[in-house]
């Protein structure tokens, strides 16, 4: 029960890694507020973990700020923030990628991370706490996924953001770390639009058994276990650190 008496806020909490993390934190004693753009799904997810379901757009400052006000009114504190919401966006050659497609990916993945942390800080400063951000192997170790430039750039920027804010917020007892998952079966791929990427770049074939651990793709629950560790006092001396969780896949692919 590492989170007994503590309050956690999870974005993208209605499904996938976000929901798995919410379950794990709740199982270890946390009161969890889930934030997601899907109002119905986040309400159901919150009911499952006995928490609060809050709907809104992570790229809109007023939505995020309102969610934190709700958390403060309900529980009076905040200890853990999991900035997990994100999209793959549009994958296309850079000269075909529309400006609004680029902007949409950046708004959700990077601006959303900024807003999630920005509005959490006043609450976290009261007693200290932990922030965990979901980045990716893309943009940090993996650069051969055709057409995913906008996505990869946001993921690389999230690592820099985590390290800068870890430096800035450390004096307030706030730790900031970032996870970089490889392929984890979630629903994120279903919303990806891909155009004209078949002949883009140097052809890359994925070798059989590309994960040195020789396991099937990782699970949201395995990622949730890492999130819980980084958010807990067990990682009390860890901050500004990216952690890759990909079964060693990027040791083979790059």
C-alpha atoms as a PDB file:
ATOM      1  CA  UNK A   1       0.000   0.000   0.000  1.00  0.00           C
ATOM      2  CA  UNK A   2       2.669   2.509  -1.066  1.00  0.00           C
ATOM      3  CA  UNK A   3       0.076   5.182  -1.899  1.00  0.00           C
ATOM      4  CA  UNK A   4      -2.147   4.972   1.160  1.00  0.00           C
ATOM      5  CA  UNK A   5      -3.518   8.457   1.873  1.00  0.00           C
ATOM      6  CA  UNK A   6      -2.214   9.867  -1.392  1.00  0.00           C
ATOM      7  CA  UNK A   7      -4.003  11.314  -4.401  1.00  0.00           C
ATOM      8  CA  UNK A   8      -3.096  10.606  -8.023  1.00  0.00           C
ATOM      9  CA  UNK A   9      -4.152  12.278 -11.268  1.00  0.00           C
ATOM     10  CA  UNK A  10      -3.943  10.264 -14.504  1.00  0.00           C
ATOM     11  CA  UNK A  11      -4.486  11.690 -17.991  1.00  0.00           C
ATOM     12  CA  UNK A  12      -5.569   9.393 -20.774  1.00  0.00           C
ATOM     13  CA  UNK A  13      -6.999   7.341 -17.948  1.00  0.00           C
ATOM     14  CA  UNK A  14      -9.949   5.760 -19.712  1.00  0.00           C
ATOM     15  CA  UNK A  15      -7.982   3.019 -21.474  1.00  0.00           C
ATOM     16  CA  UNK A  16      -4.636   1.424 -22.183  1.00  0.00           C
ATOM     17  CA  UNK A  17      -1.616   2.369 -20.103  1.00  0.00           C
ATOM     18  CA  UNK A  18      -3.513   5.124 -18.295  1.00  0.00           C
ATOM     19  CA  UNK A  19      -6.232   2.806 -17.056  1.00  0.00           C
ATOM     20  CA  UNK A  20      -3.711   0.121 -16.102  1.00  0.00           C
ATOM     21  CA  UNK A  21      -1.770   2.688 -14.069  1.00  0.00           C
ATOM     22  CA  UNK A  22      -4.941   3.956 -12.406  1.00  0.00           C
ATOM     23  CA  UNK A  23      -5.805   0.407 -11.378  1.00  0.00           C
ATOM     24  CA  UNK A  24      -2.315  -0.194  -9.998  1.00  0.00           C
ATOM     25  CA  UNK A  25      -2.237   3.051  -8.031  1.00  0.00           C
ATOM     26  CA  UNK A  26      -5.718   2.404  -6.631  1.00  0.00           C
ATOM     27  CA  UNK A  27      -4.771  -1.160  -5.688  1.00  0.00           C
ATOM     28  CA  UNK A  28      -1.868   0.285  -3.699  1.00  0.00           C
ATOM     29  CA  UNK A  29      -4.104   2.662  -1.779  1.00  0.00           C
ATOM     30  CA  UNK A  30      -4.276   5.852  -3.852  1.00  0.00           C
ATOM     31  CA  UNK A  31      -7.381   7.879  -4.495  1.00  0.00           C
ATOM     32  CA  UNK A  32      -7.299   8.348  -8.255  1.00  0.00           C
ATOM     33  CA  UNK A  33      -8.751  11.008 -10.523  1.00  0.00           C
ATOM     34  CA  UNK A  34      -8.882   9.963 -14.175  1.00  0.00           C
ATOM     35  CA  UNK A  35      -8.930  12.566 -16.944  1.00  0.00           C
ATOM     36  CA  UNK A  36      -9.810  11.732 -20.546  1.00  0.00           C
ATOM     37  CA  UNK A  37     -11.458  13.270 -23.605  1.00  0.00           C
ATOM     38  CA  UNK A  38     -13.925  10.341 -23.741  1.00  0.00           C
ATOM     39  CA  UNK A  39     -16.519  11.321 -21.130  1.00  0.00           C
ATOM     40  CA  UNK A  40     -18.397   8.015 -21.060  1.00  0.00           C
ATOM     41  CA  UNK A  41     -15.295   5.829 -20.967  1.00  0.00           C
ATOM     42  CA  UNK A  42     -13.590   7.816 -18.218  1.00  0.00           C
ATOM     43  CA  UNK A  43     -16.720   7.683 -16.084  1.00  0.00           C
ATOM     44  CA  UNK A  44     -16.786   3.889 -16.416  1.00  0.00           C
ATOM     45  CA  UNK A  45     -13.070   3.611 -15.707  1.00  0.00           C
ATOM     46  CA  UNK A  46     -13.348   5.782 -12.613  1.00  0.00           C
ATOM     47  CA  UNK A  47     -16.166   3.616 -11.333  1.00  0.00           C
ATOM     48  CA  UNK A  48     -13.968   0.562 -11.740  1.00  0.00           C
ATOM     49  CA  UNK A  49     -11.158   1.996  -9.595  1.00  0.00           C
ATOM     50  CA  UNK A  50     -13.395   3.830  -7.142  1.00  0.00           C
ATOM     51  CA  UNK A  51     -12.115   7.211  -8.229  1.00  0.00           C
ATOM     52  CA  UNK A  52     -13.265  10.375  -9.956  1.00  0.00           C
ATOM     53  CA  UNK A  53     -13.795  10.530 -13.725  1.00  0.00           C
ATOM     54  CA  UNK A  54     -13.160  13.930 -15.312  1.00  0.00           C
ATOM     55  CA  UNK A  55     -13.612  14.654 -19.004  1.00  0.00           C
ATOM     56  CA  UNK A  56     -11.835  17.310 -21.007  1.00  0.00           C
ATOM     57  CA  UNK A  57      -9.245  18.140 -23.640  1.00  0.00           C
ATOM     58  CA  UNK A  58      -5.696  17.909 -22.334  1.00  0.00           C
ATOM     59  CA  UNK A  59      -4.578  20.598 -24.794  1.00  0.00           C
ATOM     60  CA  UNK A  60      -7.016  23.157 -23.333  1.00  0.00           C
ATOM     61  CA  UNK A  61      -5.754  25.008 -20.287  1.00  0.00           C
ATOM     62  CA  UNK A  62      -9.201  25.685 -18.897  1.00  0.00           C
ATOM     63  CA  UNK A  63     -10.146  21.992 -19.011  1.00  0.00           C
ATOM     64  CA  UNK A  64      -7.014  20.863 -17.195  1.00  0.00           C
ATOM     65  CA  UNK A  65      -7.212  23.629 -14.596  1.00  0.00           C
ATOM     66  CA  UNK A  66     -10.862  22.795 -13.902  1.00  0.00           C
ATOM     67  CA  UNK A  67      -9.979  19.136 -13.385  1.00  0.00           C
ATOM     68  CA  UNK A  68      -7.379  19.993 -10.762  1.00  0.00           C
ATOM     69  CA  UNK A  69      -9.837  22.293  -8.992  1.00  0.00           C
ATOM     70  CA  UNK A  70     -12.212  19.333  -8.793  1.00  0.00           C
ATOM     71  CA  UNK A  71      -9.469  17.172  -7.291  1.00  0.00           C
ATOM     72  CA  UNK A  72      -8.606  19.830  -4.724  1.00  0.00           C
ATOM     73  CA  UNK A  73     -12.241  20.280  -3.732  1.00  0.00           C
ATOM     74  CA  UNK A  74     -12.751  16.527  -3.414  1.00  0.00           C
ATOM     75  CA  UNK A  75      -9.556  15.485  -1.649  1.00  0.00           C
ATOM     76  CA  UNK A  76      -7.594  18.618  -0.726  1.00  0.00           C
ATOM     77  CA  UNK A  77      -4.228  17.423  -1.988  1.00  0.00           C
ATOM     78  CA  UNK A  78      -2.272  15.977  -4.911  1.00  0.00           C
ATOM     79  CA  UNK A  79       0.721  13.654  -4.703  1.00  0.00           C
ATOM     80  CA  UNK A  80       1.128  11.859  -8.037  1.00  0.00           C
ATOM     81  CA  UNK A  81       0.628  13.034 -11.613  1.00  0.00           C
ATOM     82  CA  UNK A  82       0.800  10.619 -14.537  1.00  0.00           C
ATOM     83  CA  UNK A  83       0.905  12.721 -17.716  1.00  0.00           C
ATOM     84  CA  UNK A  84       0.016   9.947 -20.093  1.00  0.00           C
ATOM     85  CA  UNK A  85      -2.494  11.292 -22.638  1.00  0.00           C
ATOM     86  CA  UNK A  86      -1.268  11.225 -26.228  1.00  0.00           C
ATOM     87  CA  UNK A  87      -1.964  10.384 -29.848  1.00  0.00           C
ATOM     88  CA  UNK A  88       0.007   8.990 -32.747  1.00  0.00           C
ATOM     89  CA  UNK A  89      -1.550  11.626 -34.993  1.00  0.00           C
ATOM     90  CA  UNK A  90      -0.973  11.625 -38.739  1.00  0.00           C
ATOM     91  CA  UNK A  91       1.994   9.742 -40.194  1.00  0.00           C
ATOM     92  CA  UNK A  92       3.003  11.061 -43.601  1.00  0.00           C
ATOM     93  CA  UNK A  93       6.033  12.361 -45.529  1.00  0.00           C
ATOM     94  CA  UNK A  94       7.153  15.667 -44.069  1.00  0.00           C
ATOM     95  CA  UNK A  95       6.425  17.553 -47.301  1.00  0.00           C
ATOM     96  CA  UNK A  96       2.868  16.178 -47.328  1.00  0.00           C
ATOM     97  CA  UNK A  97       2.104  16.635 -43.634  1.00  0.00           C
ATOM     98  CA  UNK A  98      -0.323  19.521 -43.266  1.00  0.00           C
ATOM     99  CA  UNK A  99       0.447  22.245 -40.754  1.00  0.00           C
ATOM    100  CA  UNK A 100      -2.754  21.624 -38.837  1.00  0.00           C
ATOM    101  CA  UNK A 101      -1.886  17.905 -38.612  1.00  0.00           C
ATOM    102  CA  UNK A 102       1.495  18.780 -37.125  1.00  0.00           C
ATOM    103  CA  UNK A 103      -0.107  21.282 -34.748  1.00  0.00           C
ATOM    104  CA  UNK A 104      -2.715  18.792 -33.558  1.00  0.00           C
ATOM    105  CA  UNK A 105      -0.114  16.198 -32.580  1.00  0.00           C
ATOM    106  CA  UNK A 106       2.040  18.783 -30.832  1.00  0.00           C
ATOM    107  CA  UNK A 107      -0.971  20.254 -29.026  1.00  0.00           C
ATOM    108  CA  UNK A 108      -2.074  16.974 -27.488  1.00  0.00           C
ATOM    109  CA  UNK A 109       1.278  15.324 -26.819  1.00  0.00           C
ATOM    110  CA  UNK A 110       3.491  18.245 -25.842  1.00  0.00           C
ATOM    111  CA  UNK A 111       1.217  21.148 -24.924  1.00  0.00           C
ATOM    112  CA  UNK A 112      -0.938  18.626 -23.055  1.00  0.00           C
ATOM    113  CA  UNK A 113       2.062  17.482 -21.029  1.00  0.00           C
ATOM    114  CA  UNK A 114       2.997  21.081 -20.276  1.00  0.00           C
ATOM    115  CA  UNK A 115      -0.512  21.956 -19.112  1.00  0.00           C
ATOM    116  CA  UNK A 116      -0.843  18.783 -17.038  1.00  0.00           C
ATOM    117  CA  UNK A 117       2.328  19.615 -15.131  1.00  0.00           C
ATOM    118  CA  UNK A 118       1.875  23.399 -15.029  1.00  0.00           C
ATOM    119  CA  UNK A 119      -1.514  23.260 -13.343  1.00  0.00           C
ATOM    120  CA  UNK A 120      -0.422  20.480 -10.967  1.00  0.00           C
ATOM    121  CA  UNK A 121       2.559  22.320  -9.535  1.00  0.00           C
ATOM    122  CA  UNK A 122       0.731  24.579  -7.034  1.00  0.00           C
ATOM    123  CA  UNK A 123      -0.867  21.508  -5.454  1.00  0.00           C
ATOM    124  CA  UNK A 124       2.296  19.409  -5.566  1.00  0.00           C
ATOM    125  CA  UNK A 125       4.380  22.152  -3.924  1.00  0.00           C
ATOM    126  CA  UNK A 126       2.355  21.830  -0.713  1.00  0.00           C
ATOM    127  CA  UNK A 127       3.949  18.536   0.288  1.00  0.00           C
ATOM    128  CA  UNK A 128       6.070  17.399  -2.651  1.00  0.00           C
ATOM    129  CA  UNK A 129       5.186  14.608  -5.014  1.00  0.00           C
ATOM    130  CA  UNK A 130       6.004  12.746  -8.189  1.00  0.00           C
ATOM    131  CA  UNK A 131       5.316  13.309 -11.869  1.00  0.00           C
ATOM    132  CA  UNK A 132       5.663  10.566 -14.476  1.00  0.00           C
ATOM    133  CA  UNK A 133       5.401  11.402 -18.191  1.00  0.00           C
ATOM    134  CA  UNK A 134       4.745   8.925 -20.993  1.00  0.00           C
ATOM    135  CA  UNK A 135       7.181   9.401 -23.860  1.00  0.00           C
ATOM    136  CA  UNK A 136       8.160   6.603 -26.280  1.00  0.00           C
ATOM    137  CA  UNK A 137      11.055   4.726 -27.805  1.00  0.00           C
ATOM    138  CA  UNK A 138      10.267   6.811 -30.868  1.00  0.00           C
ATOM    139  CA  UNK A 139      12.257  10.004 -30.942  1.00  0.00           C
ATOM    140  CA  UNK A 140      14.519   8.738 -28.172  1.00  0.00           C
ATOM    141  CA  UNK A 141      15.987   5.465 -29.451  1.00  0.00           C
ATOM    142  CA  UNK A 142      13.927   4.550 -32.503  1.00  0.00           C
ATOM    143  CA  UNK A 143      13.977   6.662 -35.684  1.00  0.00           C
ATOM    144  CA  UNK A 144      13.028   4.248 -38.454  1.00  0.00           C
ATOM    145  CA  UNK A 145       9.218   4.435 -38.290  1.00  0.00           C
ATOM    146  CA  UNK A 146       8.315   6.069 -41.584  1.00  0.00           C
ATOM    147  CA  UNK A 147       6.267   9.244 -41.484  1.00  0.00           C
ATOM    148  CA  UNK A 148       6.033   9.622 -37.720  1.00  0.00           C
ATOM    149  CA  UNK A 149       8.086  12.816 -37.493  1.00  0.00           C
ATOM    150  CA  UNK A 150       5.525  14.888 -35.597  1.00  0.00           C
ATOM    151  CA  UNK A 151       4.928  12.125 -33.081  1.00  0.00           C
ATOM    152  CA  UNK A 152       8.632  11.398 -32.580  1.00  0.00           C
ATOM    153  CA  UNK A 153       9.450  15.073 -32.081  1.00  0.00           C
ATOM    154  CA  UNK A 154       6.861  15.398 -29.331  1.00  0.00           C
ATOM    155  CA  UNK A 155       8.197  12.294 -27.638  1.00  0.00           C
ATOM    156  CA  UNK A 156      11.785  13.573 -27.734  1.00  0.00           C
ATOM    157  CA  UNK A 157      10.639  16.931 -26.374  1.00  0.00           C
ATOM    158  CA  UNK A 158       8.861  15.246 -23.466  1.00  0.00           C
ATOM    159  CA  UNK A 159      12.179  13.833 -22.269  1.00  0.00           C
ATOM    160  CA  UNK A 160      13.751  17.302 -22.337  1.00  0.00           C
ATOM    161  CA  UNK A 161      10.680  18.701 -20.590  1.00  0.00           C
ATOM    162  CA  UNK A 162      10.942  16.101 -17.829  1.00  0.00           C
ATOM    163  CA  UNK A 163      14.616  16.835 -17.259  1.00  0.00           C
ATOM    164  CA  UNK A 164      14.157  20.602 -17.214  1.00  0.00           C
ATOM    165  CA  UNK A 165      11.210  20.456 -14.823  1.00  0.00           C
ATOM    166  CA  UNK A 166      12.997  17.931 -12.599  1.00  0.00           C
ATOM    167  CA  UNK A 167      15.785  20.482 -12.206  1.00  0.00           C
ATOM    168  CA  UNK A 168      13.365  23.355 -11.615  1.00  0.00           C
ATOM    169  CA  UNK A 169      11.030  21.599  -9.179  1.00  0.00           C
ATOM    170  CA  UNK A 170      13.468  19.522  -7.169  1.00  0.00           C
ATOM    171  CA  UNK A 171      13.798  22.131  -4.421  1.00  0.00           C
ATOM    172  CA  UNK A 172      10.072  21.718  -3.758  1.00  0.00           C
ATOM    173  CA  UNK A 173      10.388  17.968  -3.279  1.00  0.00           C
ATOM    174  CA  UNK A 174       8.825  17.237  -6.660  1.00  0.00           C
ATOM    175  CA  UNK A 175      10.395  14.484  -8.732  1.00  0.00           C
ATOM    176  CA  UNK A 176       9.825  14.258 -12.498  1.00  0.00           C
ATOM    177  CA  UNK A 177      10.628  11.155 -14.518  1.00  0.00           C
ATOM    178  CA  UNK A 178       9.669   9.849 -17.942  1.00  0.00           C
ATOM    179  CA  UNK A 179       8.907   6.397 -19.307  1.00  0.00           C
ATOM    180  CA  UNK A 180       9.624   5.365 -22.891  1.00  0.00           C
ATOM    181  CA  UNK A 181       7.546   2.312 -23.824  1.00  0.00           C
ATOM    182  CA  UNK A 182       8.080   0.249 -26.917  1.00  0.00           C
ATOM    183  CA  UNK A 183       5.174  -1.491 -28.603  1.00  0.00           C
ATOM    184  CA  UNK A 184       2.431  -2.016 -26.026  1.00  0.00           C
ATOM    185  CA  UNK A 185      -0.947  -3.246 -27.301  1.00  0.00           C
ATOM    186  CA  UNK A 186      -3.389  -0.411 -26.588  1.00  0.00           C
ATOM    187  CA  UNK A 187      -5.983   1.407 -28.661  1.00  0.00           C
ATOM    188  CA  UNK A 188      -3.709   4.264 -29.724  1.00  0.00           C
ATOM    189  CA  UNK A 189      -3.022   2.774 -33.152  1.00  0.00           C
ATOM    190  CA  UNK A 190      -6.687   2.758 -34.068  1.00  0.00           C
ATOM    191  CA  UNK A 191      -6.738   6.541 -34.353  1.00  0.00           C
ATOM    192  CA  UNK A 192      -3.574   6.781 -36.447  1.00  0.00           C
ATOM    193  CA  UNK A 193      -3.909   8.123 -39.986  1.00  0.00           C
ATOM    194  CA  UNK A 194      -1.094   6.938 -42.252  1.00  0.00           C
ATOM    195  CA  UNK A 195      -0.479   8.246 -45.775  1.00  0.00           C
ATOM    196  CA  UNK A 196       2.136   7.474 -48.437  1.00  0.00           C
ATOM    197  CA  UNK A 197       4.689   5.948 -46.072  1.00  0.00           C
ATOM    198  CA  UNK A 198       5.288   2.625 -47.849  1.00  0.00           C
ATOM    199  CA  UNK A 199       8.243   3.875 -49.893  1.00  0.00           C
ATOM    200  CA  UNK A 200       9.492   6.434 -47.393  1.00  0.00           C
ATOM    201  CA  UNK A 201      13.074   6.204 -46.144  1.00  0.00           C
ATOM    202  CA  UNK A 202      15.324   3.158 -46.161  1.00  0.00           C
ATOM    203  CA  UNK A 203      13.373  -0.137 -46.111  1.00  0.00           C
ATOM    204  CA  UNK A 204      13.652  -1.798 -42.714  1.00  0.00           C
ATOM    205  CA  UNK A 205      12.685  -5.387 -42.011  1.00  0.00           C
ATOM    206  CA  UNK A 206      11.954  -6.370 -38.450  1.00  0.00           C
ATOM    207  CA  UNK A 207      13.994  -9.468 -37.619  1.00  0.00           C
ATOM    208  CA  UNK A 208      12.278 -12.460 -36.109  1.00  0.00           C
ATOM    209  CA  UNK A 209      12.654 -12.417 -32.355  1.00  0.00           C
ATOM    210  CA  UNK A 210      13.493  -8.715 -32.309  1.00  0.00           C
ATOM    211  CA  UNK A 211      13.027  -8.509 -28.526  1.00  0.00           C
ATOM    212  CA  UNK A 212      16.093  -9.938 -26.778  1.00  0.00           C
ATOM    213  CA  UNK A 213      13.954 -10.980 -23.823  1.00  0.00           C
ATOM    214  CA  UNK A 214      12.107 -13.264 -26.253  1.00  0.00           C
ATOM    215  CA  UNK A 215       8.765 -12.336 -24.765  1.00  0.00           C
ATOM    216  CA  UNK A 216       5.556 -11.313 -26.426  1.00  0.00           C
ATOM    217  CA  UNK A 217       4.930  -7.546 -26.597  1.00  0.00           C
ATOM    218  CA  UNK A 218       4.817  -5.890 -23.220  1.00  0.00           C
ATOM    219  CA  UNK A 219       1.531  -5.256 -21.463  1.00  0.00           C
ATOM    220  CA  UNK A 220      -0.061  -2.098 -20.033  1.00  0.00           C
ATOM    221  CA  UNK A 221       0.177  -3.737 -16.629  1.00  0.00           C
ATOM    222  CA  UNK A 222       3.957  -4.054 -16.914  1.00  0.00           C
ATOM    223  CA  UNK A 223       4.188  -0.361 -17.780  1.00  0.00           C
ATOM    224  CA  UNK A 224       1.857   0.445 -14.872  1.00  0.00           C
ATOM    225  CA  UNK A 225       4.233  -1.341 -12.500  1.00  0.00           C
ATOM    226  CA  UNK A 226       7.043   0.941 -13.675  1.00  0.00           C
ATOM    227  CA  UNK A 227       4.843   4.008 -13.247  1.00  0.00           C
ATOM    228  CA  UNK A 228       3.973   2.950  -9.703  1.00  0.00           C
ATOM    229  CA  UNK A 229       7.636   2.447  -8.848  1.00  0.00           C
ATOM    230  CA  UNK A 230       8.676   5.864 -10.173  1.00  0.00           C
ATOM    231  CA  UNK A 231       5.763   7.534  -8.373  1.00  0.00           C
ATOM    232  CA  UNK A 232       6.502   5.814  -5.071  1.00  0.00           C
ATOM    233  CA  UNK A 233       8.961   6.521  -2.287  1.00  0.00           C
ATOM    234  CA  UNK A 234      10.935   3.512  -3.521  1.00  0.00           C
ATOM    235  CA  UNK A 235      12.190   5.849  -6.266  1.00  0.00           C
ATOM    236  CA  UNK A 236      12.670   8.745  -3.860  1.00  0.00           C
ATOM    237  CA  UNK A 237      16.181   9.518  -5.169  1.00  0.00           C
ATOM    238  CA  UNK A 238      15.278   9.190  -8.859  1.00  0.00           C
ATOM    239  CA  UNK A 239      14.432  12.298 -10.876  1.00  0.00           C
ATOM    240  CA  UNK A 240      15.028  13.652 -14.365  1.00  0.00           C
ATOM    241  CA  UNK A 241      15.440  10.105 -15.625  1.00  0.00           C
ATOM    242  CA  UNK A 242      14.062   8.465 -18.775  1.00  0.00           C
ATOM    243  CA  UNK A 243      13.384   4.731 -18.429  1.00  0.00           C
ATOM    244  CA  UNK A 244      12.912   2.581 -21.528  1.00  0.00           C
ATOM    245  CA  UNK A 245      10.510  -0.344 -21.251  1.00  0.00           C
ATOM    246  CA  UNK A 246      10.591  -2.210 -24.557  1.00  0.00           C
ATOM    247  CA  UNK A 247      11.878  -5.721 -23.870  1.00  0.00           C
ATOM    248  CA  UNK A 248      15.193  -4.654 -25.378  1.00  0.00           C
ATOM    249  CA  UNK A 249      13.605  -4.116 -28.801  1.00  0.00           C
ATOM    250  CA  UNK A 250      15.546  -0.922 -29.487  1.00  0.00           C
ATOM    251  CA  UNK A 251      18.783  -2.787 -28.876  1.00  0.00           C
ATOM    252  CA  UNK A 252      17.959  -4.505 -32.157  1.00  0.00           C
ATOM    253  CA  UNK A 253      16.025  -1.828 -34.005  1.00  0.00           C
ATOM    254  CA  UNK A 254      17.028   1.830 -34.145  1.00  0.00           C
END
